[in-house]
Amino acid sequence: MASSAKHVRQRVPAAERRDALVHAAIQEFAVGGLHGTPVDRIARRVGVAQPYVFSLFPSKRDLFIAAMERGFEMVMELFSERAEEFKREHPGGHVRKELLAWLGEGYIQLLASDRTKLMFQLQAYAACDDETIREHVRGAYGRLERHVHDITDATEDEVSEFLSAGMWLNVQAAIGREDLETACDWMRRRAEGDVPVAGQP
């Protein structure tokens, strides 16, 4: 006898939909930026209607901010994982400059393997003409600074130089430089003291 049971469409929890929309937003905003990306395009990527997006995010700006904050969180998670790896491979303590170099190598690997995250990060900075977004980006960047300090115990100058090198790497990766490994060598030499800190002879 043929079964008369009907397949019931499983309801996806709002939290999962929200995470999926944030991930899709990173993918789409990386290409079109804040003003050039229709919310409907993000909704279609997840398989929901545009009104549903606005039931979770009051505006496109709010979705952009959520995606931006998630992007910074992913970088902080990467640095935390790299710091734990470093501590496992260097038991009994660490030299903070060597740890910073280790974090930097992980970031270089990210840039080489995931251009979308890079381009979205640049779109986040480009959207800072919007005062609300600028405040959120400034806050996220400040959290990143504190996170690097907390996991490395680096000085303020060392953290500043580390993040400055990261911005330089962003530019090199964005313009398609294929020799990012050169930066790895720079960071290793920096950790060994062969490259002076900015502002020092």
N, C-alpha and C. Protein backbone atom coordinates (compact mmCIF):
# COMPACT_ATOMS: atom_id res chain seq x y z
N MET A 1 0.85 -1.18 0.00
CA MET A 1 0.00 0.00 0.00
C MET A 1 0.89 1.24 0.00
N ALA A 2 0.56 2.15 -0.90
CA ALA A 2 1.38 3.35 -1.00
C ALA A 2 1.22 4.20 0.25
N SER A 3 2.33 4.73 0.68
CA SER A 3 2.29 5.55 1.88
C SER A 3 1.68 6.90 1.56
N SER A 4 0.79 7.32 2.46
CA SER A 4 0.14 8.61 2.25
C SER A 4 0.82 9.72 3.05
N ALA A 5 1.91 9.32 3.73
CA ALA A 5 2.62 10.31 4.54
C ALA A 5 3.26 11.36 3.66
N LYS A 6 3.16 12.56 4.06
CA LYS A 6 3.75 13.66 3.31
C LYS A 6 5.04 14.10 3.98
N HIS A 7 5.98 14.47 3.13
CA HIS A 7 7.25 14.97 3.66
C HIS A 7 7.02 16.35 4.27
N VAL A 8 7.41 16.49 5.50
CA VAL A 8 7.29 17.76 6.19
C VAL A 8 8.60 18.52 6.08
N ARG A 9 8.50 19.74 5.61
CA ARG A 9 9.71 20.55 5.46
C ARG A 9 10.23 20.93 6.84
N GLN A 10 11.48 20.58 7.09
CA GLN A 10 12.06 20.84 8.41
C GLN A 10 12.33 22.33 8.59
N ARG A 11 11.92 22.83 9.73
CA ARG A 11 12.09 24.25 10.03
C ARG A 11 13.53 24.49 10.50
N VAL A 12 14.18 25.44 9.88
CA VAL A 12 15.55 25.77 10.26
C VAL A 12 15.49 26.83 11.35
N PRO A 13 16.18 26.59 12.48
CA PRO A 13 16.17 27.59 13.56
C PRO A 13 16.66 28.96 13.09
N ALA A 14 16.09 30.00 13.67
CA ALA A 14 16.45 31.37 13.27
C ALA A 14 17.94 31.63 13.46
N ALA A 15 18.53 31.05 14.52
CA ALA A 15 19.95 31.27 14.77
C ALA A 15 20.80 30.72 13.63
N GLU A 16 20.40 29.55 13.11
CA GLU A 16 21.14 28.96 11.98
C GLU A 16 20.97 29.81 10.73
N ARG A 17 19.74 30.28 10.50
CA ARG A 17 19.49 31.15 9.35
C ARG A 17 20.31 32.43 9.45
N ARG A 18 20.39 32.95 10.66
CA ARG A 18 21.14 34.18 10.87
C ARG A 18 22.61 33.97 10.53
N ASP A 19 23.19 32.86 11.02
CA ASP A 19 24.59 32.56 10.72
C ASP A 19 24.79 32.38 9.22
N ALA A 20 23.84 31.71 8.57
CA ALA A 20 23.95 31.49 7.13
C ALA A 20 23.88 32.81 6.37
N LEU A 21 23.02 33.70 6.82
CA LEU A 21 22.91 35.01 6.16
C LEU A 21 24.18 35.84 6.35
N VAL A 22 24.75 35.78 7.54
CA VAL A 22 26.00 36.51 7.78
C VAL A 22 27.10 35.96 6.88
N HIS A 23 27.20 34.64 6.76
CA HIS A 23 28.21 34.04 5.89
C HIS A 23 27.96 34.45 4.43
N ALA A 24 26.70 34.40 4.00
CA ALA A 24 26.37 34.79 2.62
C ALA A 24 26.66 36.26 2.40
N ALA A 25 26.41 37.08 3.43
CA ALA A 25 26.67 38.51 3.30
C ALA A 25 28.15 38.78 3.08
N ILE A 26 29.00 38.04 3.79
CA ILE A 26 30.45 38.20 3.59
C ILE A 26 30.80 37.90 2.14
N GLN A 27 30.23 36.82 1.59
CA GLN A 27 30.51 36.44 0.20
C GLN A 27 30.07 37.52 -0.78
N GLU A 28 28.87 38.05 -0.58
CA GLU A 28 28.32 39.02 -1.53
C GLU A 28 28.89 40.42 -1.35
N PHE A 29 28.99 40.88 -0.10
CA PHE A 29 29.55 42.21 0.13
C PHE A 29 31.01 42.29 -0.29
N ALA A 30 31.72 41.18 -0.25
CA ALA A 30 33.12 41.17 -0.68
C ALA A 30 33.23 41.59 -2.14
N VAL A 31 32.21 41.30 -2.91
CA VAL A 31 32.22 41.63 -4.34
C VAL A 31 31.59 43.00 -4.61
N GLY A 32 30.41 43.23 -4.04
CA GLY A 32 29.66 44.43 -4.38
C GLY A 32 29.75 45.57 -3.39
N GLY A 33 30.30 45.32 -2.22
CA GLY A 33 30.37 46.36 -1.22
C GLY A 33 29.01 46.66 -0.61
N LEU A 34 28.98 47.62 0.29
CA LEU A 34 27.75 47.96 1.00
C LEU A 34 26.67 48.45 0.05
N HIS A 35 27.00 49.40 -0.81
CA HIS A 35 25.97 50.03 -1.63
C HIS A 35 25.66 49.26 -2.91
N GLY A 36 26.57 48.42 -3.35
CA GLY A 36 26.36 47.71 -4.61
C GLY A 36 25.79 46.31 -4.48
N THR A 37 25.43 45.92 -3.27
CA THR A 37 24.93 44.56 -3.04
C THR A 37 23.47 44.57 -2.62
N PRO A 38 22.56 44.09 -3.46
CA PRO A 38 21.15 44.01 -3.06
C PRO A 38 20.95 42.94 -1.99
N VAL A 39 20.11 43.23 -1.01
CA VAL A 39 19.83 42.25 0.03
C VAL A 39 19.20 41.00 -0.57
N ASP A 40 18.42 41.16 -1.64
CA ASP A 40 17.77 40.01 -2.26
C ASP A 40 18.79 38.99 -2.76
N ARG A 41 19.95 39.48 -3.20
CA ARG A 41 21.00 38.56 -3.67
C ARG A 41 21.53 37.70 -2.52
N ILE A 42 21.67 38.31 -1.36
CA ILE A 42 22.11 37.57 -0.17
C ILE A 42 21.05 36.56 0.23
N ALA A 43 19.78 36.99 0.20
CA ALA A 43 18.67 36.11 0.57
C ALA A 43 18.61 34.89 -0.35
N ARG A 44 18.78 35.12 -1.66
CA ARG A 44 18.73 33.99 -2.61
C ARG A 44 19.85 33.00 -2.36
N ARG A 45 21.01 33.49 -1.96
CA ARG A 45 22.13 32.59 -1.70
C ARG A 45 21.80 31.62 -0.56
N VAL A 46 20.99 32.07 0.39
CA VAL A 46 20.61 31.23 1.53
C VAL A 46 19.32 30.46 1.26
N GLY A 47 18.54 30.94 0.29
CA GLY A 47 17.28 30.27 -0.03
C GLY A 47 16.10 30.77 0.79
N VAL A 48 16.13 32.06 1.13
CA VAL A 48 15.02 32.65 1.87
C VAL A 48 14.53 33.88 1.12
N ALA A 49 13.35 34.38 1.51
CA ALA A 49 12.81 35.58 0.90
C ALA A 49 13.42 36.81 1.57
N GLN A 50 13.48 37.90 0.81
CA GLN A 50 14.07 39.12 1.34
C GLN A 50 13.39 39.60 2.63
N PRO A 51 12.04 39.55 2.73
CA PRO A 51 11.41 39.99 3.99
C PRO A 51 11.90 39.21 5.20
N TYR A 52 12.28 37.94 5.00
CA TYR A 52 12.78 37.16 6.13
C TYR A 52 14.11 37.72 6.64
N VAL A 53 14.93 38.20 5.71
CA VAL A 53 16.21 38.80 6.10
C VAL A 53 15.96 39.97 7.05
N PHE A 54 14.98 40.78 6.69
CA PHE A 54 14.71 41.97 7.50
C PHE A 54 13.99 41.64 8.80
N SER A 55 13.53 40.39 8.93
CA SER A 55 12.98 39.99 10.23
C SER A 55 14.10 39.68 11.22
N LEU A 56 15.30 39.44 10.70
CA LEU A 56 16.46 39.15 11.54
C LEU A 56 17.40 40.34 11.64
N PHE A 57 17.48 41.13 10.58
CA PHE A 57 18.34 42.32 10.54
C PHE A 57 17.48 43.52 10.12
N PRO A 58 17.35 44.53 10.95
CA PRO A 58 16.47 45.66 10.63
C PRO A 58 16.79 46.37 9.32
N SER A 59 18.04 46.34 8.90
CA SER A 59 18.44 47.03 7.68
C SER A 59 19.64 46.35 7.06
N LYS A 60 19.94 46.74 5.82
CA LYS A 60 21.13 46.20 5.16
C LYS A 60 22.37 46.62 5.92
N ARG A 61 22.38 47.81 6.48
CA ARG A 61 23.51 48.26 7.28
C ARG A 61 23.75 47.32 8.46
N ASP A 62 22.68 46.91 9.13
CA ASP A 62 22.82 46.01 10.27
C ASP A 62 23.40 44.66 9.85
N LEU A 63 22.98 44.18 8.69
CA LEU A 63 23.53 42.92 8.18
C LEU A 63 25.00 43.10 7.84
N PHE A 64 25.35 44.23 7.25
CA PHE A 64 26.75 44.51 6.91
C PHE A 64 27.60 44.55 8.17
N ILE A 65 27.11 45.22 9.20
CA ILE A 65 27.85 45.32 10.46
C ILE A 65 28.03 43.95 11.09
N ALA A 66 26.99 43.12 11.07
CA ALA A 66 27.10 41.76 11.63
C ALA A 66 28.14 40.95 10.87
N ALA A 67 28.17 41.09 9.55
CA ALA A 67 29.15 40.38 8.74
C ALA A 67 30.55 40.90 9.02
N MET A 68 30.69 42.22 9.15
CA MET A 68 32.00 42.82 9.44
C MET A 68 32.54 42.32 10.78
N GLU A 69 31.68 42.31 11.79
CA GLU A 69 32.11 41.87 13.11
C GLU A 69 32.49 40.39 13.08
N ARG A 70 31.76 39.60 12.32
CA ARG A 70 32.11 38.18 12.19
C ARG A 70 33.45 38.03 11.49
N GLY A 71 33.73 38.88 10.52
CA GLY A 71 35.02 38.82 9.83
C GLY A 71 36.18 39.06 10.78
N PHE A 72 36.06 40.07 11.64
CA PHE A 72 37.10 40.34 12.62
C PHE A 72 37.21 39.19 13.64
N GLU A 73 36.06 38.63 14.03
CA GLU A 73 36.09 37.51 14.96
C GLU A 73 36.85 36.32 14.39
N MET A 74 36.70 36.08 13.09
CA MET A 74 37.38 34.96 12.46
C MET A 74 38.90 35.15 12.50
N VAL A 75 39.34 36.39 12.32
CA VAL A 75 40.78 36.66 12.40
C VAL A 75 41.27 36.43 13.83
N MET A 76 40.48 36.88 14.81
CA MET A 76 40.88 36.68 16.21
C MET A 76 40.90 35.19 16.56
N GLU A 77 39.94 34.44 16.04
CA GLU A 77 39.93 32.99 16.27
C GLU A 77 41.17 32.34 15.66
N LEU A 78 41.54 32.79 14.45
CA LEU A 78 42.75 32.27 13.82
C LEU A 78 43.97 32.54 14.69
N PHE A 79 44.09 33.77 15.20
CA PHE A 79 45.23 34.10 16.04
C PHE A 79 45.24 33.28 17.33
N SER A 80 44.08 33.04 17.90
CA SER A 80 44.02 32.22 19.12
C SER A 80 44.48 30.81 18.84
N GLU A 81 44.03 30.25 17.71
CA GLU A 81 44.44 28.89 17.35
C GLU A 81 45.94 28.82 17.10
N ARG A 82 46.47 29.82 16.41
CA ARG A 82 47.90 29.83 16.13
C ARG A 82 48.70 29.96 17.43
N ALA A 83 48.22 30.77 18.36
CA ALA A 83 48.92 30.94 19.63
C ALA A 83 48.96 29.62 20.40
N GLU A 84 47.85 28.88 20.37
CA GLU A 84 47.82 27.58 21.06
C GLU A 84 48.78 26.60 20.40
N GLU A 85 48.82 26.62 19.07
CA GLU A 85 49.76 25.74 18.35
C GLU A 85 51.20 26.07 18.73
N PHE A 86 51.48 27.38 18.78
CA PHE A 86 52.84 27.81 19.11
C PHE A 86 53.24 27.32 20.50
N LYS A 87 52.33 27.44 21.45
CA LYS A 87 52.62 27.05 22.83
C LYS A 87 52.83 25.53 22.94
N ARG A 88 52.08 24.77 22.13
CA ARG A 88 52.27 23.31 22.13
C ARG A 88 53.64 22.93 21.57
N GLU A 89 54.07 23.66 20.54
CA GLU A 89 55.34 23.34 19.89
C GLU A 89 56.53 23.97 20.61
N HIS A 90 56.27 24.94 21.47
CA HIS A 90 57.34 25.60 22.22
C HIS A 90 56.99 25.58 23.71
N PRO A 91 56.99 24.40 24.32
CA PRO A 91 56.63 24.31 25.74
C PRO A 91 57.63 25.06 26.63
N GLY A 92 57.12 25.48 27.75
CA GLY A 92 58.02 26.15 28.70
C GLY A 92 58.14 27.64 28.48
N GLY A 93 57.22 28.22 27.72
CA GLY A 93 57.26 29.66 27.52
C GLY A 93 57.52 30.03 26.07
N HIS A 94 57.47 31.32 25.77
CA HIS A 94 57.70 31.77 24.41
C HIS A 94 58.30 33.18 24.42
N VAL A 95 58.93 33.51 23.32
CA VAL A 95 59.40 34.87 23.09
C VAL A 95 58.32 35.56 22.27
N ARG A 96 57.83 36.70 22.76
CA ARG A 96 56.65 37.30 22.14
C ARG A 96 56.86 37.67 20.67
N LYS A 97 58.08 38.08 20.31
CA LYS A 97 58.32 38.43 18.91
C LYS A 97 58.19 37.20 18.02
N GLU A 98 58.65 36.06 18.51
CA GLU A 98 58.52 34.83 17.75
C GLU A 98 57.04 34.44 17.61
N LEU A 99 56.28 34.65 18.69
CA LEU A 99 54.86 34.35 18.64
C LEU A 99 54.14 35.26 17.65
N LEU A 100 54.50 36.54 17.63
CA LEU A 100 53.90 37.46 16.67
C LEU A 100 54.20 37.01 15.24
N ALA A 101 55.43 36.57 15.00
CA ALA A 101 55.78 36.07 13.68
C ALA A 101 54.95 34.85 13.32
N TRP A 102 54.70 33.99 14.31
CA TRP A 102 53.90 32.78 14.10
C TRP A 102 52.46 33.17 13.72
N LEU A 103 51.91 34.16 14.41
CA LEU A 103 50.57 34.65 14.07
C LEU A 103 50.55 35.22 12.66
N GLY A 104 51.61 35.98 12.34
CA GLY A 104 51.69 36.59 11.03
C GLY A 104 51.72 35.57 9.92
N GLU A 105 52.43 34.48 10.11
CA GLU A 105 52.49 33.43 9.10
C GLU A 105 51.11 32.81 8.89
N GLY A 106 50.36 32.65 10.00
CA GLY A 106 49.00 32.13 9.86
C GLY A 106 48.12 33.08 9.07
N TYR A 107 48.30 34.38 9.27
CA TYR A 107 47.51 35.35 8.53
C TYR A 107 47.87 35.35 7.05
N ILE A 108 49.14 35.19 6.76
CA ILE A 108 49.56 35.10 5.36
C ILE A 108 48.92 33.90 4.68
N GLN A 109 48.87 32.78 5.38
CA GLN A 109 48.23 31.59 4.83
C GLN A 109 46.74 31.84 4.56
N LEU A 110 46.09 32.58 5.47
CA LEU A 110 44.68 32.91 5.27
C LEU A 110 44.51 33.76 4.02
N LEU A 111 45.35 34.78 3.86
CA LEU A 111 45.25 35.65 2.69
C LEU A 111 45.46 34.87 1.40
N ALA A 112 46.36 33.92 1.44
CA ALA A 112 46.67 33.14 0.24
C ALA A 112 45.56 32.16 -0.11
N SER A 113 44.78 31.75 0.88
CA SER A 113 43.79 30.69 0.65
C SER A 113 42.35 31.19 0.57
N ASP A 114 42.09 32.40 1.05
CA ASP A 114 40.70 32.88 1.11
C ASP A 114 40.63 34.35 0.74
N ARG A 115 40.54 34.62 -0.56
CA ARG A 115 40.52 36.00 -1.04
C ARG A 115 39.22 36.71 -0.63
N THR A 116 38.14 35.95 -0.48
CA THR A 116 36.85 36.56 -0.14
C THR A 116 36.93 37.31 1.18
N LYS A 117 37.52 36.69 2.20
CA LYS A 117 37.62 37.35 3.50
C LYS A 117 38.47 38.61 3.41
N LEU A 118 39.52 38.56 2.61
CA LEU A 118 40.35 39.74 2.41
C LEU A 118 39.55 40.87 1.79
N MET A 119 38.85 40.57 0.68
CA MET A 119 38.15 41.62 -0.04
C MET A 119 37.01 42.20 0.80
N PHE A 120 36.37 41.35 1.60
CA PHE A 120 35.31 41.88 2.46
C PHE A 120 35.88 42.81 3.52
N GLN A 121 37.05 42.46 4.05
CA GLN A 121 37.69 43.33 5.04
C GLN A 121 37.95 44.71 4.43
N LEU A 122 38.42 44.72 3.19
CA LEU A 122 38.69 46.00 2.52
C LEU A 122 37.38 46.75 2.26
N GLN A 123 36.30 46.02 1.95
CA GLN A 123 35.01 46.66 1.76
C GLN A 123 34.52 47.29 3.06
N ALA A 124 34.83 46.65 4.19
CA ALA A 124 34.43 47.19 5.48
C ALA A 124 35.10 48.54 5.73
N TYR A 125 36.38 48.64 5.40
CA TYR A 125 37.08 49.92 5.56
C TYR A 125 36.51 50.96 4.59
N ALA A 126 36.19 50.52 3.38
CA ALA A 126 35.67 51.44 2.37
C ALA A 126 34.30 51.99 2.77
N ALA A 127 33.55 51.23 3.57
CA ALA A 127 32.21 51.66 3.98
C ALA A 127 32.23 52.62 5.16
N CYS A 128 33.40 53.00 5.62
CA CYS A 128 33.51 53.83 6.82
C CYS A 128 33.11 55.28 6.60
N ASP A 129 32.69 55.65 5.39
CA ASP A 129 32.07 56.96 5.20
C ASP A 129 30.76 57.03 5.97
N ASP A 130 30.14 55.86 6.19
CA ASP A 130 28.94 55.77 7.01
C ASP A 130 29.37 55.84 8.48
N GLU A 131 28.90 56.85 9.19
CA GLU A 131 29.37 57.08 10.55
C GLU A 131 29.10 55.90 11.48
N THR A 132 27.92 55.28 11.34
CA THR A 132 27.59 54.15 12.20
C THR A 132 28.51 52.97 11.94
N ILE A 133 28.74 52.68 10.67
CA ILE A 133 29.64 51.58 10.31
C ILE A 133 31.05 51.91 10.78
N ARG A 134 31.47 53.17 10.62
CA ARG A 134 32.82 53.56 11.05
C ARG A 134 33.02 53.28 12.54
N GLU A 135 32.03 53.59 13.36
CA GLU A 135 32.14 53.35 14.79
C GLU A 135 32.25 51.86 15.10
N HIS A 136 31.49 51.05 14.37
CA HIS A 136 31.55 49.60 14.59
C HIS A 136 32.88 49.02 14.13
N VAL A 137 33.38 49.49 12.99
CA VAL A 137 34.67 49.02 12.50
C VAL A 137 35.78 49.43 13.47
N ARG A 138 35.70 50.66 13.96
CA ARG A 138 36.69 51.14 14.92
C ARG A 138 36.67 50.26 16.18
N GLY A 139 35.47 49.90 16.64
CA GLY A 139 35.36 49.05 17.81
C GLY A 139 35.92 47.66 17.57
N ALA A 140 35.62 47.09 16.38
CA ALA A 140 36.13 45.76 16.05
C ALA A 140 37.64 45.76 15.94
N TYR A 141 38.19 46.82 15.35
CA TYR A 141 39.64 46.91 15.21
C TYR A 141 40.30 47.04 16.59
N GLY A 142 39.66 47.80 17.47
CA GLY A 142 40.18 47.93 18.82
C GLY A 142 40.18 46.61 19.57
N ARG A 143 39.14 45.81 19.37
CA ARG A 143 39.09 44.48 20.00
C ARG A 143 40.19 43.59 19.45
N LEU A 144 40.47 43.72 18.15
CA LEU A 144 41.55 42.94 17.56
C LEU A 144 42.90 43.33 18.17
N GLU A 145 43.13 44.63 18.33
CA GLU A 145 44.36 45.10 18.97
C GLU A 145 44.52 44.51 20.36
N ARG A 146 43.46 44.59 21.16
CA ARG A 146 43.53 44.07 22.54
C ARG A 146 43.73 42.57 22.55
N HIS A 147 43.12 41.88 21.59
CA HIS A 147 43.26 40.43 21.53
C HIS A 147 44.70 40.02 21.25
N VAL A 148 45.33 40.71 20.28
CA VAL A 148 46.72 40.40 19.96
C VAL A 148 47.60 40.65 21.18
N HIS A 149 47.35 41.74 21.87
CA HIS A 149 48.12 42.03 23.08
C HIS A 149 47.91 40.94 24.14
N ASP A 150 46.66 40.54 24.34
CA ASP A 150 46.34 39.58 25.40
C ASP A 150 46.98 38.20 25.16
N ILE A 151 47.02 37.77 23.90
CA ILE A 151 47.53 36.41 23.65
C ILE A 151 49.03 36.38 23.41
N THR A 152 49.66 37.56 23.25
CA THR A 152 51.11 37.58 23.01
C THR A 152 51.88 38.31 24.09
N ASP A 153 51.19 39.13 24.87
CA ASP A 153 51.84 39.99 25.87
C ASP A 153 52.81 40.96 25.21
N ALA A 154 52.54 41.30 23.95
CA ALA A 154 53.40 42.23 23.22
C ALA A 154 53.18 43.65 23.71
N THR A 155 54.16 44.50 23.50
CA THR A 155 54.04 45.90 23.86
C THR A 155 53.11 46.61 22.88
N GLU A 156 52.70 47.80 23.25
CA GLU A 156 51.81 48.59 22.37
C GLU A 156 52.48 48.85 21.03
N ASP A 157 53.77 49.18 21.03
CA ASP A 157 54.48 49.43 19.78
C ASP A 157 54.56 48.16 18.93
N GLU A 158 54.80 47.02 19.57
CA GLU A 158 54.91 45.76 18.82
C GLU A 158 53.57 45.38 18.20
N VAL A 159 52.48 45.57 18.95
CA VAL A 159 51.16 45.28 18.39
C VAL A 159 50.85 46.21 17.23
N SER A 160 51.19 47.49 17.40
CA SER A 160 50.96 48.47 16.34
C SER A 160 51.72 48.10 15.07
N GLU A 161 52.97 47.71 15.22
CA GLU A 161 53.76 47.33 14.05
C GLU A 161 53.23 46.05 13.42
N PHE A 162 52.82 45.11 14.26
CA PHE A 162 52.27 43.85 13.76
C PHE A 162 51.03 44.12 12.90
N LEU A 163 50.11 44.95 13.39
CA LEU A 163 48.89 45.24 12.64
C LEU A 163 49.18 46.08 11.41
N SER A 164 50.18 46.94 11.49
CA SER A 164 50.58 47.72 10.31
C SER A 164 51.10 46.80 9.22
N ALA A 165 51.90 45.80 9.62
CA ALA A 165 52.38 44.82 8.65
C ALA A 165 51.22 44.05 8.05
N GLY A 166 50.18 43.79 8.86
CA GLY A 166 49.01 43.10 8.35
C GLY A 166 48.29 43.91 7.29
N MET A 167 48.20 45.22 7.47
CA MET A 167 47.56 46.07 6.46
C MET A 167 48.38 46.10 5.18
N TRP A 168 49.70 46.11 5.33
CA TRP A 168 50.57 46.04 4.14
C TRP A 168 50.33 44.73 3.40
N LEU A 169 50.20 43.64 4.15
CA LEU A 169 49.93 42.34 3.53
C LEU A 169 48.58 42.35 2.81
N ASN A 170 47.59 43.03 3.38
CA ASN A 170 46.28 43.12 2.72
C ASN A 170 46.41 43.74 1.34
N VAL A 171 47.19 44.82 1.26
CA VAL A 171 47.38 45.49 -0.03
C VAL A 171 48.10 44.57 -1.01
N GLN A 172 49.16 43.91 -0.54
CA GLN A 172 49.91 43.01 -1.43
C GLN A 172 49.03 41.88 -1.95
N ALA A 173 48.20 41.33 -1.07
CA ALA A 173 47.32 40.24 -1.48
C ALA A 173 46.23 40.75 -2.42
N ALA A 174 45.70 41.94 -2.15
CA ALA A 174 44.62 42.50 -2.97
C ALA A 174 45.07 42.75 -4.40
N ILE A 175 46.32 43.19 -4.57
CA ILE A 175 46.80 43.48 -5.93
C ILE A 175 47.38 42.25 -6.60
N GLY A 176 47.26 41.11 -5.94
CA GLY A 176 47.63 39.85 -6.59
C GLY A 176 49.08 39.46 -6.50
N ARG A 177 49.81 40.00 -5.53
CA ARG A 177 51.20 39.58 -5.37
C ARG A 177 51.24 38.11 -4.98
N GLU A 178 52.06 37.34 -5.67
CA GLU A 178 52.12 35.91 -5.43
C GLU A 178 53.28 35.52 -4.53
N ASP A 179 54.06 36.50 -4.08
CA ASP A 179 55.24 36.20 -3.28
C ASP A 179 55.05 36.62 -1.83
N LEU A 180 53.87 36.33 -1.28
CA LEU A 180 53.61 36.68 0.11
C LEU A 180 54.55 35.95 1.06
N GLU A 181 55.13 34.84 0.61
CA GLU A 181 56.08 34.13 1.45
C GLU A 181 57.28 35.01 1.81
N THR A 182 57.55 36.00 0.96
CA THR A 182 58.62 36.95 1.28
C THR A 182 58.33 37.64 2.60
N ALA A 183 57.06 37.91 2.84
CA ALA A 183 56.68 38.54 4.10
C ALA A 183 56.93 37.60 5.27
N CYS A 184 56.78 36.30 5.04
CA CYS A 184 57.10 35.33 6.09
C CYS A 184 58.56 35.48 6.50
N ASP A 185 59.45 35.59 5.50
CA ASP A 185 60.87 35.76 5.79
C ASP A 185 61.10 37.04 6.58
N TRP A 186 60.39 38.12 6.18
CA TRP A 186 60.52 39.39 6.89
C TRP A 186 60.12 39.22 8.35
N MET A 187 59.03 38.51 8.59
CA MET A 187 58.56 38.34 9.96
C MET A 187 59.51 37.47 10.77
N ARG A 188 60.08 36.47 10.14
CA ARG A 188 61.05 35.64 10.86
C ARG A 188 62.27 36.48 11.25
N ARG A 189 62.76 37.29 10.30
CA ARG A 189 63.92 38.13 10.61
C ARG A 189 63.58 39.18 11.66
N ARG A 190 62.34 39.68 11.59
CA ARG A 190 61.87 40.64 12.60
C ARG A 190 61.89 40.01 13.99
N ALA A 191 61.45 38.74 14.08
CA ALA A 191 61.43 38.04 15.36
C ALA A 191 62.84 37.82 15.89
N GLU A 192 63.80 37.66 14.97
CA GLU A 192 65.18 37.41 15.38
C GLU A 192 65.94 38.71 15.65
N GLY A 193 65.27 39.85 15.41
CA GLY A 193 65.91 41.13 15.73
C GLY A 193 66.69 41.72 14.58
N ASP A 194 66.61 41.12 13.39
CA ASP A 194 67.37 41.65 12.25
C ASP A 194 66.68 42.82 11.56
N VAL A 195 65.39 43.02 11.86
CA VAL A 195 64.64 44.13 11.27
C VAL A 195 64.23 45.05 12.40
N PRO A 196 64.60 46.31 12.40
CA PRO A 196 64.31 47.19 13.53
C PRO A 196 62.82 47.53 13.63
N VAL A 197 62.39 47.84 14.84
CA VAL A 197 61.03 48.31 15.07
C VAL A 197 60.90 49.70 14.47
N ALA A 198 59.69 50.00 13.95
CA ALA A 198 59.47 51.32 13.36
C ALA A 198 59.80 52.41 14.37
N GLY A 199 60.56 53.41 13.91
CA GLY A 199 60.93 54.51 14.78
C GLY A 199 62.23 54.30 15.51
N GLN A 200 62.83 53.11 15.35
CA GLN A 200 64.11 52.83 15.98
C GLN A 200 65.19 52.72 14.91
N PRO A 201 66.43 53.03 15.23
CA PRO A 201 67.51 52.96 14.23
C PRO A 201 67.83 51.52 13.89
